[in-house]
Amino acid sequence: MTGQLQPHIDIALRHGREGSHPTAIPRLEIGVGQATEGTSPCLYRSMICFILQGAKDVAIHDNLLRYDTAQYLISALDLPLSGQIHDDEDGRPYVAVSLTLDPALLADIAATMPAIRDTDTPGSGITLNPMTQTLRDTLLRLLTLLDAPDDIPALAPMAERELLYRLLQGPQSRLLRHIAQPEGALGRIRRAVEWIRDHRDTRLRIEALCDTAGMSRASLHRHFVALTGLSPIQYQKQLRLQEARQLLLAGDRSASDVAFAVGYESASQFSREYLRQFGAPPMRDMRQLRHSIGNLAIN
């Protein structure tokens, strides 16, 4: 498998760097990293992720999913998850490519394909699927454009369309079509998720969320939990805690300042929930994180 993906890896390493960063191709990101100890929070966008080297564990619905170069992942909506990356068996770093999904583009491509009768709501907002040689070849054509930046405006849209077309022919065609339907259950939950993201630092108002999604309270709760593995309130809490961790790591703000900045009304409640989420109080967690980052830099 490594030989088949070596051209992809070479391009990704030429244009990527430690962490996850956007490329010159719209919506395309490259992620590079060393193996991590234990899981850490991560926000998955609505995207397709292809691992080129190494592997990753993702926890959702109390299930641990591991995927590597033999699978690709589809995330149907923004999901706050826990993840852990792994080097490959020879100790080479994790390398991945992700493409944020454009629902309008998916809908446009799906309209050119035979219709599928499907009224069922997807059972989960995240799936793993077997990688194919056709997808590897199509992905390489898209990545190759990073070495020819002048060609990106004209050719990247065509390469992206081809990749999405191949994905729509695959086992998750129904899920991808649901992403393209704004008035389906998935589309309504996507709107609810967007509302929570935009109002994550204020008290969650279920009535406003129901109005945004166009769903009853019972229907909203049922579909939200099915797709994200969390209730709306739990989802907002995950977003707040992830943002708080980033704010603490980025500066010298106190834990109480950060707590109020992300929407907590009580610093003590923030500290309790932070401890449950990350396994250590805020400032101790920061010391441990900075120590780990320092060790990586030295190595």
Protein backbone atom coordinates (compact mmCIF):
# COMPACT_ATOMS: atom_id res chain seq x y z
CA MET A 1 0.00 0.00 0.00
CA THR A 2 2.83 2.42 0.83
CA GLY A 3 4.21 2.13 -2.70
CA GLN A 4 0.84 2.99 -4.21
CA LEU A 5 0.58 6.09 -2.02
CA GLN A 6 4.20 7.27 -2.18
CA PRO A 7 3.50 9.90 -4.88
CA HIS A 8 0.63 11.25 -2.74
CA ILE A 9 2.86 11.32 0.36
CA ASP A 10 5.70 13.10 -1.44
CA ILE A 11 3.36 15.89 -2.59
CA ALA A 12 1.71 16.18 0.83
CA LEU A 13 5.06 16.51 2.59
CA ARG A 14 6.25 19.12 0.09
CA HIS A 15 3.20 21.28 0.73
CA GLY A 16 2.29 20.38 4.31
CA ARG A 17 3.85 21.00 7.70
CA GLU A 18 3.31 19.94 11.29
CA GLY A 19 -0.36 20.23 12.15
CA SER A 20 -3.30 20.66 9.79
CA HIS A 21 -3.18 23.53 7.32
CA PRO A 22 -5.10 24.67 4.21
CA THR A 23 -3.51 24.38 0.78
CA ALA A 24 -3.75 26.52 -2.35
CA ILE A 25 -6.65 24.31 -3.47
CA PRO A 26 -9.91 25.56 -1.91
CA ARG A 27 -11.25 23.37 0.93
CA LEU A 28 -8.25 20.99 0.75
CA GLU A 29 -6.07 20.59 3.86
CA ILE A 30 -2.95 18.55 4.61
CA GLY A 31 -2.29 17.18 8.09
CA VAL A 32 1.12 15.97 9.28
CA GLY A 33 1.94 14.80 12.79
CA GLN A 34 3.81 12.45 15.07
CA ALA A 35 2.06 9.78 17.12
CA THR A 36 0.26 11.12 20.19
CA GLU A 37 -0.10 9.59 23.64
CA GLY A 38 -3.76 9.06 24.44
CA THR A 39 -6.71 10.72 22.78
CA SER A 40 -7.19 14.46 22.44
CA PRO A 41 -10.23 16.52 21.39
CA CYS A 42 -10.60 17.42 17.73
CA LEU A 43 -13.33 19.06 15.66
CA TYR A 44 -14.17 17.18 12.49
CA ARG A 45 -15.70 19.36 9.80
CA SER A 46 -18.11 18.07 7.18
CA MET A 47 -15.41 16.45 5.09
CA ILE A 48 -13.73 13.48 3.47
CA CYS A 49 -10.44 12.40 5.03
CA PHE A 50 -7.84 10.20 3.31
CA ILE A 51 -4.93 8.86 5.34
CA LEU A 52 -1.76 8.55 3.29
CA GLN A 53 0.55 7.28 6.05
CA GLY A 54 -0.07 6.07 9.60
CA ALA A 55 -3.47 5.62 11.23
CA LYS A 56 -5.97 7.43 13.44
CA ASP A 57 -8.43 6.45 16.17
CA VAL A 58 -11.68 8.40 16.45
CA ALA A 59 -14.15 8.01 19.33
CA ILE A 60 -17.85 8.57 18.59
CA HIS A 61 -21.02 7.10 20.11
CA ASP A 62 -18.80 5.40 22.72
CA ASN A 63 -17.23 3.46 19.85
CA LEU A 64 -13.58 3.65 18.82
CA LEU A 65 -13.04 3.69 15.07
CA ARG A 66 -9.55 3.12 13.68
CA TYR A 67 -8.82 3.90 10.06
CA ASP A 68 -5.67 3.96 7.98
CA THR A 69 -4.63 3.97 4.33
CA ALA A 70 -7.09 1.19 3.52
CA GLN A 71 -10.15 3.33 4.37
CA TYR A 72 -11.42 6.85 3.95
CA LEU A 73 -13.66 8.68 6.40
CA ILE A 74 -16.77 10.72 5.70
CA SER A 75 -17.94 13.21 8.34
CA ALA A 76 -21.41 14.44 7.41
CA LEU A 77 -21.44 17.42 9.79
CA ASP A 78 -19.19 19.22 12.26
CA LEU A 79 -18.45 16.81 15.10
CA PRO A 80 -16.45 17.40 18.31
CA LEU A 81 -14.64 14.10 18.78
CA SER A 82 -11.65 12.59 20.52
CA GLY A 83 -8.84 11.30 18.34
CA GLN A 84 -5.37 9.81 18.46
CA ILE A 85 -2.91 9.63 15.59
CA HIS A 86 -0.38 6.84 15.04
CA ASP A 87 2.83 6.65 13.02
CA ASP A 88 3.04 3.92 10.44
CA GLU A 89 4.63 0.56 11.26
CA ASP A 90 8.07 1.88 10.27
CA GLY A 91 7.79 4.93 12.52
CA ARG A 92 7.13 7.41 9.73
CA PRO A 93 4.77 10.28 10.62
CA TYR A 94 1.04 10.41 10.13
CA VAL A 95 0.05 12.15 6.88
CA ALA A 96 -3.52 12.83 5.80
CA VAL A 97 -5.49 14.90 3.31
CA SER A 98 -9.00 16.22 3.95
CA LEU A 99 -11.51 17.90 1.66
CA THR A 100 -14.30 19.97 3.19
CA LEU A 101 -17.61 19.07 1.55
CA ASP A 102 -19.59 21.64 -0.43
CA PRO A 103 -23.29 20.60 -0.25
CA ALA A 104 -24.23 22.68 -3.31
CA LEU A 105 -21.51 21.03 -5.40
CA LEU A 106 -22.57 17.58 -4.19
CA ALA A 107 -26.17 18.36 -5.16
CA ASP A 108 -25.09 19.56 -8.61
CA ILE A 109 -23.12 16.39 -9.28
CA ALA A 110 -25.81 14.10 -7.84
CA ALA A 111 -28.37 15.71 -10.17
CA THR A 112 -26.43 14.30 -13.15
CA MET A 113 -26.58 10.74 -11.75
CA PRO A 114 -29.43 8.23 -11.56
CA ALA A 115 -31.84 9.06 -8.75
CA ILE A 116 -31.88 6.95 -5.58
CA ARG A 117 -35.10 6.52 -3.65
CA ASP A 118 -34.13 6.94 -0.03
CA THR A 119 -36.08 8.54 2.80
CA ASP A 120 -34.16 7.00 5.69
CA THR A 121 -32.13 9.28 7.93
CA PRO A 122 -28.44 8.28 8.14
CA GLY A 123 -27.71 6.27 11.28
CA SER A 124 -24.52 8.13 12.11
CA GLY A 125 -22.77 11.32 11.07
CA ILE A 126 -19.46 9.56 10.49
CA THR A 127 -18.55 6.46 8.47
CA LEU A 128 -15.52 4.51 7.30
CA ASN A 129 -15.34 3.10 3.78
CA PRO A 130 -12.85 0.95 1.83
CA MET A 131 -10.35 2.87 -0.28
CA THR A 132 -10.14 1.92 -3.96
CA GLN A 133 -7.51 2.28 -6.64
CA THR A 134 -9.85 4.55 -8.62
CA LEU A 135 -10.12 6.93 -5.66
CA ARG A 136 -6.35 6.87 -5.13
CA ASP A 137 -5.77 7.79 -8.77
CA THR A 138 -8.37 10.57 -8.67
CA LEU A 139 -6.97 11.97 -5.43
CA LEU A 140 -3.47 12.02 -6.94
CA ARG A 141 -4.69 14.09 -9.88
CA LEU A 142 -6.06 16.65 -7.42
CA LEU A 143 -2.90 16.70 -5.27
CA THR A 144 -0.61 17.00 -8.31
CA LEU A 145 -2.06 20.46 -8.94
CA LEU A 146 -0.30 21.70 -5.79
CA ASP A 147 2.95 21.45 -7.80
CA ALA A 148 1.40 23.55 -10.59
CA PRO A 149 -0.31 26.45 -8.78
CA ASP A 150 -1.09 28.33 -12.01
CA ASP A 151 -3.29 25.38 -13.06
CA ILE A 152 -5.33 25.33 -9.85
CA PRO A 153 -8.05 27.88 -10.79
CA ALA A 154 -8.88 26.06 -14.03
CA LEU A 155 -8.27 22.41 -13.16
CA ALA A 156 -8.91 22.02 -9.41
CA PRO A 157 -12.71 22.40 -9.76
CA MET A 158 -12.73 19.61 -12.35
CA ALA A 159 -10.53 17.36 -10.24
CA GLU A 160 -12.73 17.98 -7.20
CA ARG A 161 -15.86 17.18 -9.19
CA GLU A 162 -14.30 13.93 -10.38
CA LEU A 163 -13.39 12.95 -6.83
CA LEU A 164 -16.89 13.69 -5.52
CA TYR A 165 -18.41 11.85 -8.48
CA ARG A 166 -16.38 8.75 -7.62
CA LEU A 167 -17.43 9.03 -3.98
CA LEU A 168 -21.08 9.32 -5.01
CA GLN A 169 -20.63 6.03 -6.83
CA GLY A 170 -19.34 4.40 -3.65
CA PRO A 171 -20.98 2.72 -0.64
CA GLN A 172 -21.86 6.04 1.04
CA SER A 173 -23.73 7.56 -1.88
CA ARG A 174 -26.89 7.87 0.24
CA LEU A 175 -25.08 9.71 3.04
CA LEU A 176 -23.46 12.13 0.59
CA ARG A 177 -26.82 12.79 -1.06
CA HIS A 178 -28.32 13.52 2.36
CA ILE A 179 -25.60 16.14 2.87
CA ALA A 180 -26.77 17.77 -0.36
CA GLN A 181 -30.42 17.95 0.79
CA PRO A 182 -30.91 21.03 3.01
CA GLU A 183 -34.49 20.07 3.95
CA GLY A 184 -33.77 16.49 4.93
CA ALA A 185 -33.18 15.48 8.54
CA LEU A 186 -29.40 15.67 8.12
CA GLY A 187 -29.63 19.14 6.57
CA ARG A 188 -31.82 20.34 9.44
CA ILE A 189 -29.40 18.99 12.04
CA ARG A 190 -26.54 20.65 10.16
CA ARG A 191 -28.38 23.97 10.59
CA ALA A 192 -28.83 23.26 14.29
CA VAL A 193 -25.13 22.48 14.65
CA GLU A 194 -24.25 25.73 12.88
CA TRP A 195 -26.55 27.66 15.24
CA ILE A 196 -24.87 26.10 18.29
CA ARG A 197 -21.42 26.96 16.91
CA ASP A 198 -22.45 30.58 16.31
CA HIS A 199 -23.97 30.85 19.82
CA ARG A 200 -21.61 28.59 21.77
CA ASP A 201 -20.78 31.30 24.29
CA THR A 202 -24.41 31.98 25.23
CA ARG A 203 -27.07 29.94 27.04
CA LEU A 204 -28.51 27.28 24.76
CA ARG A 205 -32.13 28.05 23.84
CA ILE A 206 -33.84 24.87 22.67
CA GLU A 207 -36.79 26.81 21.24
CA ALA A 208 -34.48 28.85 19.00
CA LEU A 209 -32.68 25.68 17.97
CA CYS A 210 -35.96 24.00 17.03
CA ASP A 211 -37.00 27.05 15.02
CA THR A 212 -33.67 27.07 13.18
CA ALA A 213 -33.90 23.37 12.35
CA GLY A 214 -37.64 23.42 11.63
CA MET A 215 -38.15 20.41 13.89
CA SER A 216 -40.09 19.58 17.04
CA ARG A 217 -38.17 19.23 20.28
CA ALA A 218 -38.54 15.43 20.27
CA SER A 219 -37.52 15.07 16.61
CA LEU A 220 -34.57 17.41 17.03
CA HIS A 221 -33.26 15.52 20.05
CA ARG A 222 -33.69 12.10 18.42
CA HIS A 223 -31.94 12.99 15.17
CA PHE A 224 -29.25 15.10 16.87
CA VAL A 225 -28.21 12.26 19.18
CA ALA A 226 -28.33 9.72 16.34
CA LEU A 227 -26.04 11.78 14.11
CA THR A 228 -23.62 13.28 16.62
CA GLY A 229 -23.73 10.90 19.59
CA LEU A 230 -24.44 13.92 21.82
CA SER A 231 -27.43 15.93 22.97
CA PRO A 232 -27.45 19.60 21.88
CA ILE A 233 -26.35 20.69 25.37
CA GLN A 234 -23.52 18.12 25.42
CA TYR A 235 -22.49 19.25 21.94
CA GLN A 236 -22.26 22.88 23.07
CA LYS A 237 -20.25 21.83 26.13
CA GLN A 238 -17.75 19.96 23.95
CA LEU A 239 -17.31 23.02 21.72
CA ARG A 240 -16.80 25.29 24.72
CA LEU A 241 -14.22 23.03 26.32
CA GLN A 242 -12.29 22.60 23.08
CA GLU A 243 -12.24 26.37 22.52
CA ALA A 244 -11.19 26.94 26.13
CA ARG A 245 -8.25 24.58 25.76
CA GLN A 246 -7.10 26.40 22.63
CA LEU A 247 -7.38 29.79 24.36
CA LEU A 248 -5.41 28.57 27.36
CA LEU A 249 -2.70 27.11 25.15
CA ALA A 250 -2.46 30.24 22.99
CA GLY A 251 -1.93 32.81 25.75
CA ASP A 252 -1.47 33.65 29.41
CA ARG A 253 -5.13 34.12 30.36
CA SER A 254 -6.34 32.69 33.64
CA ALA A 255 -8.68 29.72 33.75
CA SER A 256 -11.51 31.88 35.10
CA ASP A 257 -11.09 34.47 32.32
CA VAL A 258 -11.26 31.73 29.71
CA ALA A 259 -14.26 30.12 31.43
CA PHE A 260 -16.30 33.32 31.12
CA ALA A 261 -15.01 33.96 27.58
CA VAL A 262 -16.44 30.66 26.30
CA GLY A 263 -19.78 31.08 28.05
CA TYR A 264 -19.49 29.53 31.50
CA GLU A 265 -21.20 31.40 34.32
CA SER A 266 -19.21 29.61 37.01
CA ALA A 267 -15.43 29.16 37.02
CA SER A 268 -15.72 26.21 39.40
CA GLN A 269 -18.17 24.42 37.08
CA PHE A 270 -15.78 25.04 34.19
CA SER A 271 -12.88 23.52 36.15
CA ARG A 272 -14.94 20.44 37.06
CA GLU A 273 -16.07 19.83 33.49
CA TYR A 274 -12.58 20.53 32.12
CA LEU A 275 -11.16 17.94 34.53
CA ARG A 276 -13.72 15.34 33.42
CA GLN A 277 -13.03 16.05 29.74
CA PHE A 278 -9.23 16.27 29.72
CA GLY A 279 -8.20 14.36 32.83
CA ALA A 280 -6.52 17.30 34.60
CA PRO A 281 -7.48 20.78 35.87
CA PRO A 282 -6.96 23.58 33.30
CA MET A 283 -3.57 24.91 34.39
CA ARG A 284 -2.07 21.48 35.08
CA ASP A 285 -3.29 20.34 31.68
CA MET A 286 -1.57 23.36 30.11
CA ARG A 287 1.72 22.54 31.83
CA GLN A 288 1.52 18.96 30.58
CA LEU A 289 0.62 20.05 27.04
CA ARG A 290 3.43 22.59 26.83
CA HIS A 291 5.89 20.02 28.19
CA SER A 292 4.77 17.52 25.51
CA ILE A 293 5.07 20.15 22.78
CA GLY A 294 8.55 21.08 24.01
CA ASN A 295 9.65 17.44 23.89
CA LEU A 296 8.36 17.09 20.33
CA ALA A 297 10.27 20.21 19.29
CA ILE A 298 13.49 18.85 20.82
CA ASN A 299 13.05 15.47 19.17
